Amino acid sequence: MRKVLHAGDKLLIDYCGPTLSVVNPNTGEIRSAQVFVATLGGSSYTYAEATWTQSLPDWLYLNRAHLGAKSAHDQYTGGIRLSHFI
């Protein structure tokens, strides 16, 4: 379904499907990292960050704005979005 979005009005957030392989240079161990993406609607301004899991603590870490603190993506976008759209 197509949505009409105005630039800077909403911040679309979610984990993307593909994971990243991260290799420990000391041990050679390979771990999969989950990729969180936040995009300002109506623009191509995108923030991405990897976490080890999609667990609640990781989700809250990435969305600290819900707890009253500025999140990393708010700092990246300048906190200009009016609402989140998940």
Foldseek 3Di string as FASTA:
>chain_A
DDDDADFQAEKEKDWDDDWDWDADPVPRDTATWIKIKIAGPPDRDIDIDTDRDPDPVVVCQQVVVVVPDQHPVCVVVVVRYDYYDD
